């Protein structure tokens, strides 16, 4: 590794840690309407509004959605194919299959019937991991 100087003169010293601003991008109301509220159908509606625009598919990258990275190494190329292709296509399909199987086979609810309060860790928001969740196999409901 070595120092890197950008065209504008900014130098990043060797060994520096760089981050992408994921939180500020994903909670930016200029990018997503009501960005700070959970909306499970946000990207589905965006695809409907923009004619099924591929920009809003989970596997695609953009400067507004950096979860899988962005730029030259995020896309297939001869270099990427010989070096190992991006796994985001496989990962997204695996996640969708696991989620669909889980929803088809189990019912979930919180013990008190309310959504757990949010916890925050830097730019990550997540439900309280100590919240009690009740899980019941759907086949048990039939017996």
Protein backbone atom coordinates (compact mmCIF):
# COMPACT_ATOMS: atom_id res chain seq x y z
CA UNK A 1 0.00 0.00 0.00
CA UNK A 2 1.00 3.58 -0.52
CA UNK A 3 -0.40 7.10 -0.15
CA UNK A 4 -2.95 8.05 -2.81
CA UNK A 5 -3.53 11.57 -4.12
CA UNK A 6 -6.74 12.39 -5.97
CA UNK A 7 -6.85 14.76 -8.95
CA UNK A 8 -8.20 17.52 -6.68
CA UNK A 9 -5.09 17.30 -4.46
CA UNK A 10 -6.59 15.44 -1.51
CA UNK A 11 -4.20 12.76 -0.25
CA UNK A 12 -5.28 9.62 1.58
CA UNK A 13 -2.35 8.37 3.65
CA UNK A 14 -1.31 4.73 3.51
CA UNK A 15 -3.27 2.62 6.01
CA UNK A 16 -6.22 5.04 6.26
CA UNK A 17 -9.71 3.63 6.66
CA UNK A 18 -12.31 5.01 4.28
CA UNK A 19 -16.07 4.65 4.60
CA UNK A 20 -19.04 5.17 2.35
CA UNK A 21 -21.86 7.28 3.82
CA UNK A 22 -24.48 4.49 3.77
CA UNK A 23 -26.63 5.86 6.57
CA UNK A 24 -26.86 9.44 5.33
CA UNK A 25 -27.69 8.17 1.82
CA UNK A 26 -30.34 5.69 2.86
CA UNK A 27 -32.02 8.11 5.29
CA UNK A 28 -31.95 11.05 2.87
CA UNK A 29 -35.45 12.36 2.10
CA UNK A 30 -34.12 13.82 -1.17
CA UNK A 31 -33.36 10.26 -2.30
CA UNK A 32 -36.23 8.29 -0.70
CA UNK A 33 -39.61 9.66 0.39
CA UNK A 34 -40.04 9.30 4.17
CA UNK A 35 -36.58 7.76 4.29
CA UNK A 36 -36.54 7.45 8.08
CA UNK A 37 -39.67 5.26 8.15
CA UNK A 38 -39.71 1.53 7.40
CA UNK A 39 -41.52 0.80 4.13
CA UNK A 40 -41.33 -2.80 2.99
CA UNK A 41 -42.75 -1.89 -0.43
CA UNK A 42 -40.63 1.22 -1.07
CA UNK A 43 -38.61 -0.25 -3.94
CA UNK A 44 -41.59 -2.12 -5.37
CA UNK A 45 -43.49 1.17 -5.66
CA UNK A 46 -40.45 2.92 -7.12
CA UNK A 47 -40.27 0.24 -9.83
CA UNK A 48 -43.99 0.73 -10.56
CA UNK A 49 -43.62 4.52 -10.74
CA UNK A 50 -40.60 4.34 -13.03
CA UNK A 51 -41.75 1.59 -15.38
CA UNK A 52 -40.07 -1.38 -13.68
CA UNK A 53 -36.78 0.49 -13.83
CA UNK A 54 -33.85 -1.84 -13.16
CA UNK A 55 -32.31 0.91 -11.00
CA UNK A 56 -34.56 -0.26 -8.16
CA UNK A 57 -33.79 -3.99 -8.32
CA UNK A 58 -32.05 -5.32 -5.21
CA UNK A 59 -29.02 -6.55 -7.20
CA UNK A 60 -28.28 -3.26 -8.90
CA UNK A 61 -25.95 -0.62 -7.55
CA UNK A 62 -26.08 3.16 -7.73
CA UNK A 63 -24.53 6.13 -6.00
CA UNK A 64 -27.66 6.21 -3.80
CA UNK A 65 -27.55 2.51 -2.83
CA UNK A 66 -24.07 1.32 -1.90
CA UNK A 67 -24.80 -1.90 0.00
CA UNK A 68 -23.09 -4.00 -2.68
CA UNK A 69 -20.54 -1.34 -3.56
CA UNK A 70 -20.49 0.58 -6.80
CA UNK A 71 -18.23 1.28 -9.72
CA UNK A 72 -16.07 -0.84 -11.97
CA UNK A 73 -15.65 -3.80 -9.60
CA UNK A 74 -19.39 -4.09 -8.94
CA UNK A 75 -20.12 -5.19 -12.51
CA UNK A 76 -19.14 -8.20 -14.54
CA UNK A 77 -16.07 -7.75 -16.66
CA UNK A 78 -13.37 -9.98 -18.05
CA UNK A 79 -11.25 -9.08 -15.04
CA UNK A 80 -14.07 -9.82 -12.59
CA UNK A 81 -14.91 -13.13 -14.28
CA UNK A 82 -11.34 -14.36 -13.98
CA UNK A 83 -11.00 -12.91 -10.50
CA UNK A 84 -14.33 -14.17 -9.10
CA UNK A 85 -17.68 -12.68 -10.14
CA UNK A 86 -19.72 -10.49 -7.81
CA UNK A 87 -21.90 -12.67 -5.59
CA UNK A 88 -24.69 -10.17 -5.08
CA UNK A 89 -26.93 -11.88 -7.64
CA UNK A 90 -26.62 -15.21 -5.81
CA UNK A 91 -26.90 -13.55 -2.39
CA UNK A 92 -30.12 -11.66 -3.22
CA UNK A 93 -31.78 -14.78 -4.63
CA UNK A 94 -30.75 -16.83 -1.59
CA UNK A 95 -32.13 -14.20 0.77
CA UNK A 96 -35.42 -14.06 -1.15
CA UNK A 97 -35.79 -17.86 -1.09
CA UNK A 98 -35.02 -18.10 2.64
CA UNK A 99 -37.43 -15.28 3.47
CA UNK A 100 -40.22 -16.76 1.29
CA UNK A 101 -39.77 -20.23 2.82
CA UNK A 102 -39.79 -18.79 6.34
CA UNK A 103 -42.94 -16.72 5.76
CA UNK A 104 -44.71 -19.67 4.14
CA UNK A 105 -43.90 -22.01 7.03
CA UNK A 106 -43.97 -19.87 10.17
CA UNK A 107 -46.02 -17.18 11.88
CA UNK A 108 -44.28 -14.51 13.94
CA UNK A 109 -45.42 -11.95 16.46
CA UNK A 110 -43.92 -10.04 19.31
CA UNK A 111 -44.92 -11.01 22.82
CA UNK A 112 -46.78 -7.74 23.37
CA UNK A 113 -47.99 -7.38 19.76
CA UNK A 114 -45.99 -4.17 19.19
CA UNK A 115 -42.91 -3.52 17.10
CA UNK A 116 -39.78 -3.47 19.26
CA UNK A 117 -38.16 -0.09 19.81
CA UNK A 118 -35.25 0.78 17.52
CA UNK A 119 -31.68 0.42 18.66
CA UNK A 120 -28.91 2.39 16.96
CA UNK A 121 -25.30 1.48 16.27
CA UNK A 122 -23.57 4.22 14.31
CA UNK A 123 -25.68 4.39 11.10
CA UNK A 124 -27.40 1.03 11.61
CA UNK A 125 -30.93 0.91 13.01
CA UNK A 126 -32.35 -2.41 14.13
CA UNK A 127 -35.12 -3.72 16.41
CA UNK A 128 -34.20 -4.35 20.03
CA UNK A 129 -32.46 -7.76 20.02
CA UNK A 130 -33.82 -8.43 23.52
CA UNK A 131 -37.44 -8.16 22.35
CA UNK A 132 -39.33 -11.44 22.72
CA UNK A 133 -40.64 -12.93 19.49
CA UNK A 134 -43.11 -15.79 19.35
CA UNK A 135 -42.66 -18.21 16.46
CA UNK A 136 -45.13 -20.91 15.51
CA UNK A 137 -44.88 -23.42 12.69
CA UNK A 138 -47.91 -22.98 10.40
CA UNK A 139 -48.52 -26.74 10.22
CA UNK A 140 -49.10 -26.62 14.00
CA UNK A 141 -51.99 -24.26 13.36
CA UNK A 142 -53.77 -26.95 11.36
CA UNK A 143 -53.70 -29.56 14.13
